[in-house]
C-alpha atoms as a PDB file:
ATOM      1  CA  MET A   1     118.303 -13.271  19.447  1.00  0.00           C
ATOM      2  CA  GLY A   2     121.691 -12.172  18.765  1.00  0.00           C
ATOM      3  CA  SER A   3     123.951 -11.975  21.643  1.00  0.00           C
ATOM      4  CA  GLY A   4     124.480  -8.261  22.831  1.00  0.00           C
ATOM      5  CA  TRP A   5     121.439  -6.913  20.730  1.00  0.00           C
ATOM      6  CA  ASP A   6     119.828  -5.391  23.503  1.00  0.00           C
ATOM      7  CA  GLU A   7     123.161  -3.419  24.468  1.00  0.00           C
ATOM      8  CA  LEU A   8     123.136  -1.654  20.940  1.00  0.00           C
ATOM      9  CA  SER A   9     121.722   1.214  19.749  1.00  0.00           C
ATOM     10  CA  THR A  10     118.906   1.252  17.123  1.00  0.00           C
ATOM     11  CA  GLN A  11     121.220   2.913  14.759  1.00  0.00           C
ATOM     12  CA  ASP A  12     124.082   0.556  15.440  1.00  0.00           C
ATOM     13  CA  LEU A  13     121.761  -2.816  14.936  1.00  0.00           C
ATOM     14  CA  PHE A  14     120.284  -1.470  11.200  1.00  0.00           C
ATOM     15  CA  LYS A  15     124.183  -0.568  10.712  1.00  0.00           C
ATOM     16  CA  GLU A  16     124.933  -4.628  11.607  1.00  0.00           C
ATOM     17  CA  LEU A  17     121.751  -5.665   9.375  1.00  0.00           C
ATOM     18  CA  ARG A  18     122.766  -3.939   6.123  1.00  0.00           C
ATOM     19  CA  SER A  19     126.287  -5.462   6.462  1.00  0.00           C
ATOM     20  CA  THR A  20     125.463  -9.020   7.434  1.00  0.00           C
ATOM     21  CA  GLN A  21     121.813  -9.142   5.782  1.00  0.00           C
ATOM     22  CA  ASP A  22     121.020 -11.691   9.462  1.00  0.00           C
ATOM     23  CA  PRO A  23     117.390 -12.775   9.057  1.00  0.00           C
ATOM     24  CA  LYS A  24     117.516 -13.013  13.041  1.00  0.00           C
ATOM     25  CA  LEU A  25     118.151 -10.054  13.491  1.00  0.00           C
ATOM     26  CA  ARG A  26     115.881  -8.393  11.290  1.00  0.00           C
ATOM     27  CA  ASP A  27     112.968 -10.549  12.743  1.00  0.00           C
ATOM     28  CA  TYR A  28     114.601  -8.572  16.288  1.00  0.00           C
ATOM     29  CA  LEU A  29     114.206  -5.407  14.675  1.00  0.00           C
ATOM     30  CA  ILE A  30     110.457  -5.925  13.367  1.00  0.00           C
ATOM     31  CA  SER A  31     109.547  -7.743  16.745  1.00  0.00           C
ATOM     32  CA  HIS A  32     111.293  -5.214  18.712  1.00  0.00           C
ATOM     33  CA  HIS A  33     109.248  -2.201  17.110  1.00  0.00           C
ATOM     34  CA  ALA A  34     105.985  -3.890  16.960  1.00  0.00           C
ATOM     35  CA  GLY A  35     105.007  -1.369  19.399  1.00  0.00           C
ATOM     36  CA  LEU A  36     105.147   1.700  16.522  1.00  0.00           C
ATOM     37  CA  VAL A  37     102.749  -0.320  14.617  1.00  0.00           C
ATOM     38  CA  ARG A  38     100.220  -0.457  17.489  1.00  0.00           C
ATOM     39  CA  HIS A  39     100.483   3.562  17.880  1.00  0.00           C
ATOM     40  CA  VAL A  40      99.723   4.120  14.595  1.00  0.00           C
ATOM     41  CA  ALA A  41      96.785   1.735  14.550  1.00  0.00           C
ATOM     42  CA  ARG A  42      95.238   3.158  17.259  1.00  0.00           C
ATOM     43  CA  GLU A  43      94.699   6.499  15.429  1.00  0.00           C
ATOM     44  CA  TYR A  44      92.175   5.037  13.147  1.00  0.00           C
ATOM     45  CA  ALA A  45      90.508   2.746  15.957  1.00  0.00           C
ATOM     46  CA  GLU A  46      87.027   4.598  14.861  1.00  0.00           C
ATOM     47  CA  ALA A  47      87.449   4.092  10.872  1.00  0.00           C
ATOM     48  CA  GLY A  48      85.055   1.013  10.878  1.00  0.00           C
ATOM     49  CA  GLU A  49      88.166  -1.479  10.772  1.00  0.00           C
ATOM     50  CA  THR A  50      89.091  -3.899  13.453  1.00  0.00           C
ATOM     51  CA  TYR A  51      92.148  -3.237  15.330  1.00  0.00           C
ATOM     52  CA  GLU A  52      93.420  -6.971  14.533  1.00  0.00           C
ATOM     53  CA  ASP A  53      93.347  -5.746  10.769  1.00  0.00           C
ATOM     54  CA  LEU A  54      94.695  -2.788  11.169  1.00  0.00           C
ATOM     55  CA  LEU A  55      97.594  -4.086  13.174  1.00  0.00           C
ATOM     56  CA  SER A  56      97.549  -6.903  10.114  1.00  0.00           C
ATOM     57  CA  VAL A  57      98.184  -4.059   7.756  1.00  0.00           C
ATOM     58  CA  GLY A  58     100.663  -1.790  10.081  1.00  0.00           C
ATOM     59  CA  HIS A  59     102.741  -4.528  10.362  1.00  0.00           C
ATOM     60  CA  LEU A  60     103.437  -5.021   6.610  1.00  0.00           C
ATOM     61  CA  GLY A  61     104.198  -1.091   6.639  1.00  0.00           C
ATOM     62  CA  LEU A  62     106.683  -2.025   9.234  1.00  0.00           C
ATOM     63  CA  ILE A  63     108.461  -4.817   7.595  1.00  0.00           C
ATOM     64  CA  ASN A  64     108.962  -2.376   4.694  1.00  0.00           C
ATOM     65  CA  ALA A  65     110.491  -0.060   7.033  1.00  0.00           C
ATOM     66  CA  VAL A  66     112.798  -2.317   8.735  1.00  0.00           C
ATOM     67  CA  ASP A  67     113.823  -3.288   4.575  1.00  0.00           C
ATOM     68  CA  ARG A  68     113.967  -0.075   3.333  1.00  0.00           C
ATOM     69  CA  PHE A  69     115.389   2.432   6.315  1.00  0.00           C
ATOM     70  CA  ASP A  70     119.199   3.499   5.667  1.00  0.00           C
ATOM     71  CA  PRO A  71     120.543   4.384   8.984  1.00  0.00           C
ATOM     72  CA  GLN A  72     123.278   6.346   7.103  1.00  0.00           C
ATOM     73  CA  ARG A  73     121.142   8.780   6.734  1.00  0.00           C
ATOM     74  CA  GLY A  74     121.233  10.050   9.958  1.00  0.00           C
ATOM     75  CA  THR A  75     117.089   9.910  10.476  1.00  0.00           C
ATOM     76  CA  LYS A  76     115.755   8.027  13.616  1.00  0.00           C
ATOM     77  CA  PHE A  77     114.299   4.759  12.981  1.00  0.00           C
ATOM     78  CA  ALA A  78     110.785   5.561  14.406  1.00  0.00           C
ATOM     79  CA  THR A  79     110.708   9.577  12.387  1.00  0.00           C
ATOM     80  CA  PHE A  80     110.993   6.855   9.228  1.00  0.00           C
ATOM     81  CA  ALA A  81     108.675   3.743  10.558  1.00  0.00           C
ATOM     82  CA  ILE A  82     105.502   5.891  11.671  1.00  0.00           C
ATOM     83  CA  PRO A  83     104.463   7.416   8.584  1.00  0.00           C
ATOM     84  CA  THR A  84     105.682   4.483   6.409  1.00  0.00           C
ATOM     85  CA  ILE A  85     103.434   2.461   8.715  1.00  0.00           C
ATOM     86  CA  ARG A  86     100.561   4.970   8.582  1.00  0.00           C
ATOM     87  CA  GLY A  87     101.096   5.264   4.725  1.00  0.00           C
ATOM     88  CA  GLU A  88     100.369   1.198   4.537  1.00  0.00           C
ATOM     89  CA  ILE A  89      96.992   1.909   6.551  1.00  0.00           C
ATOM     90  CA  GLN A  90      95.890   4.883   4.459  1.00  0.00           C
ATOM     91  CA  ARG A  91      96.461   2.883   1.491  1.00  0.00           C
ATOM     92  CA  HIS A  92      94.093   0.191   2.404  1.00  0.00           C
ATOM     93  CA  PHE A  93      91.256   2.340   3.494  1.00  0.00           C
ATOM     94  CA  ARG A  94      91.793   4.431   0.178  1.00  0.00           C
ATOM     95  CA  ASP A  95      91.701   1.070  -1.884  1.00  0.00           C
ATOM     96  CA  ARG A  96      88.462   0.219   0.128  1.00  0.00           C
ATOM     97  CA  THR A  97      87.048   3.012  -0.828  1.00  0.00           C
ATOM     98  CA  TRP A  98      86.296   4.485   2.952  1.00  0.00           C
ATOM     99  CA  GLY A  99      86.154   7.795   3.803  1.00  0.00           C
ATOM    100  CA  ILE A 100      89.715   8.200   4.923  1.00  0.00           C
ATOM    101  CA  HIS A 101      91.804  10.353   2.405  1.00  0.00           C
ATOM    102  CA  VAL A 102      95.091  11.862   2.478  1.00  0.00           C
ATOM    103  CA  PRO A 103      94.861  15.701   2.893  1.00  0.00           C
ATOM    104  CA  ARG A 104      95.685  17.926   0.153  1.00  0.00           C
ATOM    105  CA  ARG A 105      98.849  19.428   1.826  1.00  0.00           C
ATOM    106  CA  VAL A 106     100.410  15.869   2.340  1.00  0.00           C
ATOM    107  CA  GLN A 107      99.349  14.894  -1.422  1.00  0.00           C
ATOM    108  CA  GLU A 108     100.933  18.805  -2.592  1.00  0.00           C
ATOM    109  CA  LEU A 109     103.933  17.760  -0.429  1.00  0.00           C
ATOM    110  CA  SER A 110     104.664  14.552  -2.187  1.00  0.00           C
ATOM    111  CA  ILE A 111     104.650  16.227  -5.723  1.00  0.00           C
ATOM    112  CA  GLN A 112     107.014  19.254  -4.401  1.00  0.00           C
ATOM    113  CA  ALA A 113     109.530  16.492  -2.497  1.00  0.00           C
ATOM    114  CA  ARG A 114     109.718  14.530  -5.758  1.00  0.00           C
ATOM    115  CA  GLN A 115     110.535  17.936  -7.490  1.00  0.00           C
ATOM    116  CA  ALA A 116     113.082  18.678  -4.812  1.00  0.00           C
ATOM    117  CA  ARG A 117     114.641  15.306  -4.771  1.00  0.00           C
ATOM    118  CA  GLU A 118     115.801  16.239  -8.578  1.00  0.00           C
ATOM    119  CA  VAL A 119     117.001  19.904  -7.572  1.00  0.00           C
ATOM    120  CA  LEU A 120     119.139  18.157  -5.140  1.00  0.00           C
ATOM    121  CA  ALA A 121     120.831  15.622  -6.337  1.00  0.00           C
ATOM    122  CA  LYS A 122     121.712  17.452  -9.246  1.00  0.00           C
ATOM    123  CA  ARG A 123     123.123  20.369  -7.168  1.00  0.00           C
ATOM    124  CA  TYR A 124     124.988  17.135  -4.649  1.00  0.00           C
ATOM    125  CA  SER A 125     125.848  14.974  -6.953  1.00  0.00           C
ATOM    126  CA  ARG A 126     124.151  12.028  -4.803  1.00  0.00           C
ATOM    127  CA  ALA A 127     121.009  11.649  -3.469  1.00  0.00           C
ATOM    128  CA  PRO A 128     119.548  13.911  -0.956  1.00  0.00           C
ATOM    129  CA  THR A 129     119.103  13.293   2.681  1.00  0.00           C
ATOM    130  CA  TYR A 130     115.662  13.564   4.250  1.00  0.00           C
ATOM    131  CA  ALA A 131     116.666  16.345   6.639  1.00  0.00           C
ATOM    132  CA  GLU A 132     117.616  18.312   3.249  1.00  0.00           C
ATOM    133  CA  LEU A 133     114.878  17.606   1.837  1.00  0.00           C
ATOM    134  CA  ALA A 134     113.222  19.241   4.739  1.00  0.00           C
ATOM    135  CA  GLY A 135     114.778  21.719   5.168  1.00  0.00           C
ATOM    136  CA  GLU A 136     114.687  22.591   1.148  1.00  0.00           C
ATOM    137  CA  LEU A 137     110.824  22.363   1.479  1.00  0.00           C
ATOM    138  CA  GLY A 138     110.676  24.048   4.958  1.00  0.00           C
ATOM    139  CA  VAL A 139     108.853  21.527   6.586  1.00  0.00           C
ATOM    140  CA  SER A 140     109.547  18.436   9.397  1.00  0.00           C
ATOM    141  CA  GLU A 141     111.225  15.452   8.451  1.00  0.00           C
ATOM    142  CA  GLU A 142     108.584  13.669   9.945  1.00  0.00           C
ATOM    143  CA  GLU A 143     106.115  15.625   7.335  1.00  0.00           C
ATOM    144  CA  LEU A 144     108.541  14.912   4.515  1.00  0.00           C
ATOM    145  CA  ILE A 145     108.503  10.901   5.247  1.00  0.00           C
ATOM    146  CA  GLN A 146     105.273  10.951   5.965  1.00  0.00           C
ATOM    147  CA  ALA A 147     104.660  12.632   2.026  1.00  0.00           C
ATOM    148  CA  VAL A 148     107.272  10.361   0.549  1.00  0.00           C
ATOM    149  CA  GLU A 149     105.776   7.592   2.004  1.00  0.00           C
ATOM    150  CA  VAL A 150     102.274   8.756   0.313  1.00  0.00           C
ATOM    151  CA  GLY A 151     103.310   8.880  -2.654  1.00  0.00           C
ATOM    152  CA  ARG A 152     105.741   5.827  -3.174  1.00  0.00           C
ATOM    153  CA  HIS A 153     102.574   3.601  -2.118  1.00  0.00           C
ATOM    154  CA  TYR A 154      99.546   5.344  -4.199  1.00  0.00           C
ATOM    155  CA  ASP A 155     102.605   4.935  -7.023  1.00  0.00           C
ATOM    156  CA  LEU A 156     103.697   1.825  -6.362  1.00  0.00           C
ATOM    157  CA  LEU A 157     101.234  -0.494  -4.545  1.00  0.00           C
ATOM    158  CA  SER A 158      98.048   0.665  -5.571  1.00  0.00           C
ATOM    159  CA  LEU A 159      95.939  -1.455  -7.476  1.00  0.00           C
ATOM    160  CA  ASP A 160      95.256   1.534  -9.718  1.00  0.00           C
ATOM    161  CA  ALA A 161      99.241   1.704 -10.315  1.00  0.00           C
ATOM    162  CA  THR A 162     100.800   1.417 -13.496  1.00  0.00           C
ATOM    163  CA  THR A 163     103.144  -2.005 -14.058  1.00  0.00           C
ATOM    164  CA  ASN A 164     105.301   0.159 -16.857  1.00  0.00           C
ATOM    165  CA  PRO A 165     105.124   3.777 -16.196  1.00  0.00           C
ATOM    166  CA  ALA A 166     107.713   4.787 -18.604  1.00  0.00           C
ATOM    167  CA  GLY A 167     106.606   2.372 -21.665  1.00  0.00           C
ATOM    168  CA  ASP A 168     104.360   3.236 -24.148  1.00  0.00           C
ATOM    169  CA  ASP A 169     101.778  -0.237 -23.020  1.00  0.00           C
ATOM    170  CA  ASP A 170     100.594   0.797 -19.368  1.00  0.00           C
ATOM    171  CA  GLN A 171      98.641  -1.494 -17.806  1.00  0.00           C
ATOM    172  CA  SER A 172      97.128  -0.628 -14.041  1.00  0.00           C
ATOM    173  CA  LEU A 173      97.607  -3.945 -11.852  1.00  0.00           C
ATOM    174  CA  ALA A 174      93.724  -4.214 -11.440  1.00  0.00           C
ATOM    175  CA  ASP A 175      94.224  -4.040 -15.441  1.00  0.00           C
ATOM    176  CA  GLN A 176      96.371  -6.820 -15.643  1.00  0.00           C
ATOM    177  CA  ALA A 177      94.680  -8.927 -12.991  1.00  0.00           C
ATOM    178  CA  GLY A 178      91.400  -8.549 -14.877  1.00  0.00           C
ATOM    179  CA  THR A 179      92.736 -10.389 -17.660  1.00  0.00           C
ATOM    180  CA  GLU A 180      92.903 -14.689 -18.107  1.00  0.00           C
ATOM    181  CA  ASP A 181      95.099 -15.754 -15.635  1.00  0.00           C
ATOM    182  CA  PRO A 182      95.265 -19.846 -15.269  1.00  0.00           C
ATOM    183  CA  ARG A 183      96.340 -19.555 -11.380  1.00  0.00           C
ATOM    184  CA  LEU A 184      93.446 -17.387 -10.241  1.00  0.00           C
ATOM    185  CA  ASP A 185      91.191 -19.053 -12.926  1.00  0.00           C
ATOM    186  CA  LEU A 186      89.302 -16.019 -12.703  1.00  0.00           C
ATOM    187  CA  ILE A 187      87.975 -13.848 -15.415  1.00  0.00           C
ATOM    188  CA  ALA A 188      86.202 -10.691 -14.538  1.00  0.00           C
ATOM    189  CA  ASP A 189      86.895  -7.018 -15.386  1.00  0.00           C
ATOM    190  CA  ARG A 190      88.779  -4.511 -13.413  1.00  0.00           C
ATOM    191  CA  ASP A 191      85.534  -3.161 -11.410  1.00  0.00           C
ATOM    192  CA  GLN A 192      84.583  -6.691 -10.660  1.00  0.00           C
ATOM    193  CA  LEU A 193      87.871  -7.992  -9.488  1.00  0.00           C
ATOM    194  CA  LEU A 194      88.885  -4.355  -7.416  1.00  0.00           C
ATOM    195  CA  GLN A 195      85.205  -5.021  -6.010  1.00  0.00           C
ATOM    196  CA  ALA A 196      86.212  -8.604  -5.166  1.00  0.00           C
ATOM    197  CA  LEU A 197      89.261  -8.112  -3.527  1.00  0.00           C
ATOM    198  CA  ARG A 198      87.562  -5.385  -1.282  1.00  0.00           C
ATOM    199  CA  GLN A 199      85.565  -8.086   0.349  1.00  0.00           C
ATOM    200  CA  LEU A 200      88.665 -10.055   1.597  1.00  0.00           C
ATOM    201  CA  SER A 201      90.044  -9.816   4.901  1.00  0.00           C
ATOM    202  CA  PRO A 202      93.247  -7.152   4.877  1.00  0.00           C
ATOM    203  CA  ARG A 203      95.878 -10.246   5.076  1.00  0.00           C
ATOM    204  CA  LEU A 204      94.473 -11.848   2.243  1.00  0.00           C
ATOM    205  CA  GLN A 205      94.136  -8.982   0.445  1.00  0.00           C
ATOM    206  CA  VAL A 206      98.035  -8.107   0.439  1.00  0.00           C
ATOM    207  CA  ILE A 207      98.668 -11.887   0.017  1.00  0.00           C
ATOM    208  CA  ILE A 208      96.877 -11.530  -3.450  1.00  0.00           C
ATOM    209  CA  ALA A 209      98.844  -8.225  -4.191  1.00  0.00           C
ATOM    210  CA  LEU A 210     102.215  -9.394  -3.598  1.00  0.00           C
ATOM    211  CA  ARG A 211     101.627 -13.302  -5.279  1.00  0.00           C
ATOM    212  CA  TYR A 212      99.737 -11.857  -8.276  1.00  0.00           C
ATOM    213  CA  PHE A 213     100.253  -8.310  -8.872  1.00  0.00           C
ATOM    214  CA  GLU A 214     103.960  -7.959  -7.715  1.00  0.00           C
ATOM    215  CA  GLU A 215     104.568 -11.363  -8.716  1.00  0.00           C
ATOM    216  CA  LEU A 216     106.309 -12.855  -5.737  1.00  0.00           C
ATOM    217  CA  SER A 217     107.109 -16.165  -4.833  1.00  0.00           C
ATOM    218  CA  GLN A 218     105.744 -18.164  -2.047  1.00  0.00           C
ATOM    219  CA  GLN A 219     108.648 -17.935  -0.370  1.00  0.00           C
ATOM    220  CA  GLU A 220     109.407 -14.487  -0.691  1.00  0.00           C
ATOM    221  CA  VAL A 221     105.702 -13.117   0.331  1.00  0.00           C
ATOM    222  CA  GLY A 222     106.285 -15.308   3.822  1.00  0.00           C
ATOM    223  CA  SER A 223     109.738 -13.434   4.224  1.00  0.00           C
ATOM    224  CA  ARG A 224     108.395  -9.827   3.712  1.00  0.00           C
ATOM    225  CA  LEU A 225     104.920 -11.027   5.726  1.00  0.00           C
ATOM    226  CA  GLY A 226     107.499 -12.679   8.590  1.00  0.00           C
ATOM    227  CA  ILE A 227     105.192 -16.022   8.273  1.00  0.00           C
ATOM    228  CA  SER A 228     105.899 -19.515   6.604  1.00  0.00           C
ATOM    229  CA  GLN A 229     105.588 -20.622   2.900  1.00  0.00           C
ATOM    230  CA  MET A 230     103.154 -23.152   4.070  1.00  0.00           C
ATOM    231  CA  HIS A 231     101.201 -20.115   5.686  1.00  0.00           C
ATOM    232  CA  VAL A 232     101.514 -18.366   2.551  1.00  0.00           C
ATOM    233  CA  SER A 233     100.159 -21.107   0.474  1.00  0.00           C
ATOM    234  CA  ARG A 234      97.134 -22.267   2.841  1.00  0.00           C
ATOM    235  CA  LEU A 235      96.482 -18.144   2.771  1.00  0.00           C
ATOM    236  CA  GLN A 236      96.340 -17.844  -0.971  1.00  0.00           C
ATOM    237  CA  ARG A 237      94.169 -20.950  -1.556  1.00  0.00           C
ATOM    238  CA  GLN A 238      91.924 -19.516   1.228  1.00  0.00           C
ATOM    239  CA  ALA A 239      92.167 -15.517  -0.544  1.00  0.00           C
ATOM    240  CA  ILE A 240      91.283 -17.925  -3.971  1.00  0.00           C
ATOM    241  CA  ASP A 241      88.366 -19.907  -2.861  1.00  0.00           C
ATOM    242  CA  LYS A 242      86.431 -16.927  -1.322  1.00  0.00           C
ATOM    243  CA  LEU A 243      87.586 -14.921  -4.619  1.00  0.00           C
ATOM    244  CA  ARG A 244      85.522 -17.669  -6.433  1.00  0.00           C
ATOM    245  CA  GLN A 245      82.854 -17.564  -4.086  1.00  0.00           C
ATOM    246  CA  ILE A 246      82.069 -13.533  -4.679  1.00  0.00           C
ATOM    247  CA  PHE A 247      82.156 -14.355  -8.442  1.00  0.00           C
ATOM    248  CA  ASP A 248      79.805 -17.417  -8.571  1.00  0.00           C
ATOM    249  CA  GLN A 249      77.524 -15.682  -6.497  1.00  0.00           C
ATOM    250  CA  THR A 250      77.873 -12.504  -8.878  1.00  0.00           C
ATOM    251  CA  ASP A 251      77.129 -14.657 -11.755  1.00  0.00           C
ATOM    252  CA  ASN A 252      74.069 -16.184 -10.189  1.00  0.00           C
END
């Protein structure tokens, strides 16, 4: 642990992280805010998923929040992180086609936030802050961040998201993964692949998504999840073996 970190405010710690990119400080901030994951995970305790798996998925949301939080915007980290963690867990449930749905109000607010961001960016000649967006839309800052995070997860991290939204040859991640891939050594149609992935544990789903859909290296995945490259390699092999077993059972 860095000297004197406990004596600094969260905002100051994030400012130091952005200027130094210190991996030990990053790990400290993730560990220091693990309670936020437990807080959000308890909201879904009766949703049919184990608490341990909820913590695993929520932890990925916390890592994303630490990596993306901008202390210059003036927003408290918890205000930013809780919707990010919640969005990650909601995406997990949605991808498993379980009975948790994003409220229509949040979906509509996500769309309104995108439109308002464009308007304010032109007005101020810069990217608007969360506070400015919330004020423009007449909602609280936390409501605004939740809507933004839900939109981000649905657009960028869903298996149904396109890999080239602006291009003429849009392919969803699931479509892309459904083609022959020598690394996975799996050939499956889109629906079959989605059904197989949903049978994996949340952590293994994350490993496959980051390795093959987002095309991160094992080292990059390990850095994202806070685990060693060797651990990523073991989990990757475990995931592929399970997928092969699932497809073998389907074929038989």
